[in-house]
Amino acid sequence: MANENQQQQQINPSFFYNIIGEKEVQISALSQQYALAVQENQMLQEKLNQAEENLQKENNKSKQHKKGGKR
């Protein structure tokens, strides 16, 4: 009987291979999502930097007009 119980408690290795395969697919998908998020973040950072530069330029022009002076 003890031998019979041991055989029933053993799990088929393919069960673990299937889980590992699923996790690999999930990790791959998450890696791709992360790469896209990093790319989007860089693009948004560049847009923000450009917008801040434009705002600074406009601010400087506004100050010059108020003073009535030119560079």
C-alpha atoms as a PDB file:
ATOM      1  CA  MET A   1       0.000   0.000   0.000  1.00  0.00           C
ATOM      2  CA  ALA A   2       2.790   2.419   0.800  1.00  0.00           C
ATOM      3  CA  ASN A   3       4.233   1.917  -2.676  1.00  0.00           C
ATOM      4  CA  GLU A   4       0.794   2.568  -4.188  1.00  0.00           C
ATOM      5  CA  ASN A   5       0.455   5.873  -2.280  1.00  0.00           C
ATOM      6  CA  GLN A   6       3.904   7.009  -3.431  1.00  0.00           C
ATOM      7  CA  GLN A   7       2.985   6.440  -7.072  1.00  0.00           C
ATOM      8  CA  GLN A   8      -0.238   8.412  -6.703  1.00  0.00           C
ATOM      9  CA  GLN A   9       1.579  11.325  -5.050  1.00  0.00           C
ATOM     10  CA  GLN A  10       4.136  11.658  -7.849  1.00  0.00           C
ATOM     11  CA  ILE A  11       3.298  14.442 -10.255  1.00  0.00           C
ATOM     12  CA  ASN A  12       3.943  14.140 -13.946  1.00  0.00           C
ATOM     13  CA  PRO A  13       7.012  16.275 -14.872  1.00  0.00           C
ATOM     14  CA  SER A  14       5.134  17.657 -17.888  1.00  0.00           C
ATOM     15  CA  PHE A  15       2.920  19.518 -15.394  1.00  0.00           C
ATOM     16  CA  PHE A  16       5.966  21.542 -14.301  1.00  0.00           C
ATOM     17  CA  TYR A  17       7.221  21.985 -17.860  1.00  0.00           C
ATOM     18  CA  ASN A  18       3.850  23.445 -18.823  1.00  0.00           C
ATOM     19  CA  ILE A  19       3.948  25.892 -15.904  1.00  0.00           C
ATOM     20  CA  ILE A  20       7.523  26.893 -16.764  1.00  0.00           C
ATOM     21  CA  GLY A  21       6.520  27.393 -20.405  1.00  0.00           C
ATOM     22  CA  GLU A  22       3.598  29.609 -19.396  1.00  0.00           C
ATOM     23  CA  LYS A  23       5.826  31.667 -17.123  1.00  0.00           C
ATOM     24  CA  GLU A  24       8.410  32.089 -19.889  1.00  0.00           C
ATOM     25  CA  VAL A  25       5.694  33.407 -22.197  1.00  0.00           C
ATOM     26  CA  GLN A  26       4.484  35.796 -19.481  1.00  0.00           C
ATOM     27  CA  ILE A  27       8.029  37.019 -18.833  1.00  0.00           C
ATOM     28  CA  SER A  28       8.590  37.560 -22.548  1.00  0.00           C
ATOM     29  CA  ALA A  29       5.364  39.565 -22.848  1.00  0.00           C
ATOM     30  CA  LEU A  30       6.253  41.644 -19.799  1.00  0.00           C
ATOM     31  CA  SER A  31       9.724  42.287 -21.209  1.00  0.00           C
ATOM     32  CA  GLN A  32       8.203  43.575 -24.432  1.00  0.00           C
ATOM     33  CA  GLN A  33       5.765  45.779 -22.510  1.00  0.00           C
ATOM     34  CA  TYR A  34       8.626  47.150 -20.431  1.00  0.00           C
ATOM     35  CA  ALA A  35      10.698  47.932 -23.523  1.00  0.00           C
ATOM     36  CA  LEU A  36       7.762  49.771 -25.088  1.00  0.00           C
ATOM     37  CA  ALA A  37       7.113  51.679 -21.859  1.00  0.00           C
ATOM     38  CA  VAL A  38      10.769  52.751 -21.668  1.00  0.00           C
ATOM     39  CA  GLN A  39      10.640  53.877 -25.300  1.00  0.00           C
ATOM     40  CA  GLU A  40       7.430  55.843 -24.710  1.00  0.00           C
ATOM     41  CA  ASN A  41       8.889  57.375 -21.565  1.00  0.00           C
ATOM     42  CA  GLN A  42      11.954  58.581 -23.482  1.00  0.00           C
ATOM     43  CA  MET A  43       9.774  60.056 -26.207  1.00  0.00           C
ATOM     44  CA  LEU A  44       7.588  61.855 -23.670  1.00  0.00           C
ATOM     45  CA  GLN A  45      10.668  63.120 -21.828  1.00  0.00           C
ATOM     46  CA  GLU A  46      12.008  64.580 -25.083  1.00  0.00           C
ATOM     47  CA  LYS A  47       8.648  66.259 -25.781  1.00  0.00           C
ATOM     48  CA  LEU A  48       8.599  67.673 -22.258  1.00  0.00           C
ATOM     49  CA  ASN A  49      12.136  69.000 -22.602  1.00  0.00           C
ATOM     50  CA  GLN A  50      11.248  70.633 -25.933  1.00  0.00           C
ATOM     51  CA  ALA A  51       8.100  72.157 -24.464  1.00  0.00           C
ATOM     52  CA  GLU A  52      10.067  73.531 -21.509  1.00  0.00           C
ATOM     53  CA  GLU A  53      12.652  75.028 -23.882  1.00  0.00           C
ATOM     54  CA  ASN A  54       9.893  76.647 -25.956  1.00  0.00           C
ATOM     55  CA  LEU A  55       8.240  77.998 -22.827  1.00  0.00           C
ATOM     56  CA  GLN A  56      11.543  79.421 -21.617  1.00  0.00           C
ATOM     57  CA  LYS A  57      12.112  81.094 -25.010  1.00  0.00           C
ATOM     58  CA  GLU A  58       8.624  82.599 -24.936  1.00  0.00           C
ATOM     59  CA  ASN A  59       9.176  83.764 -21.382  1.00  0.00           C
ATOM     60  CA  ASN A  60      12.460  85.422 -22.358  1.00  0.00           C
ATOM     61  CA  LYS A  61      10.803  87.154 -25.350  1.00  0.00           C
ATOM     62  CA  SER A  62       8.021  88.387 -23.090  1.00  0.00           C
ATOM     63  CA  LYS A  63      10.529  89.857 -20.627  1.00  0.00           C
ATOM     64  CA  GLN A  64      12.412  91.618 -23.417  1.00  0.00           C
ATOM     65  CA  HIS A  65       9.249  93.230 -24.768  1.00  0.00           C
ATOM     66  CA  LYS A  66       8.281  94.429 -21.294  1.00  0.00           C
ATOM     67  CA  LYS A  67      11.697  96.030 -20.822  1.00  0.00           C
ATOM     68  CA  GLY A  68      11.536  97.528 -24.283  1.00  0.00           C
ATOM     69  CA  GLY A  69      15.044  96.334 -25.006  1.00  0.00           C
ATOM     70  CA  LYS A  70      16.623  94.137 -27.564  1.00  0.00           C
ATOM     71  CA  ARG A  71      19.532  91.765 -27.325  1.00  0.00           C
END
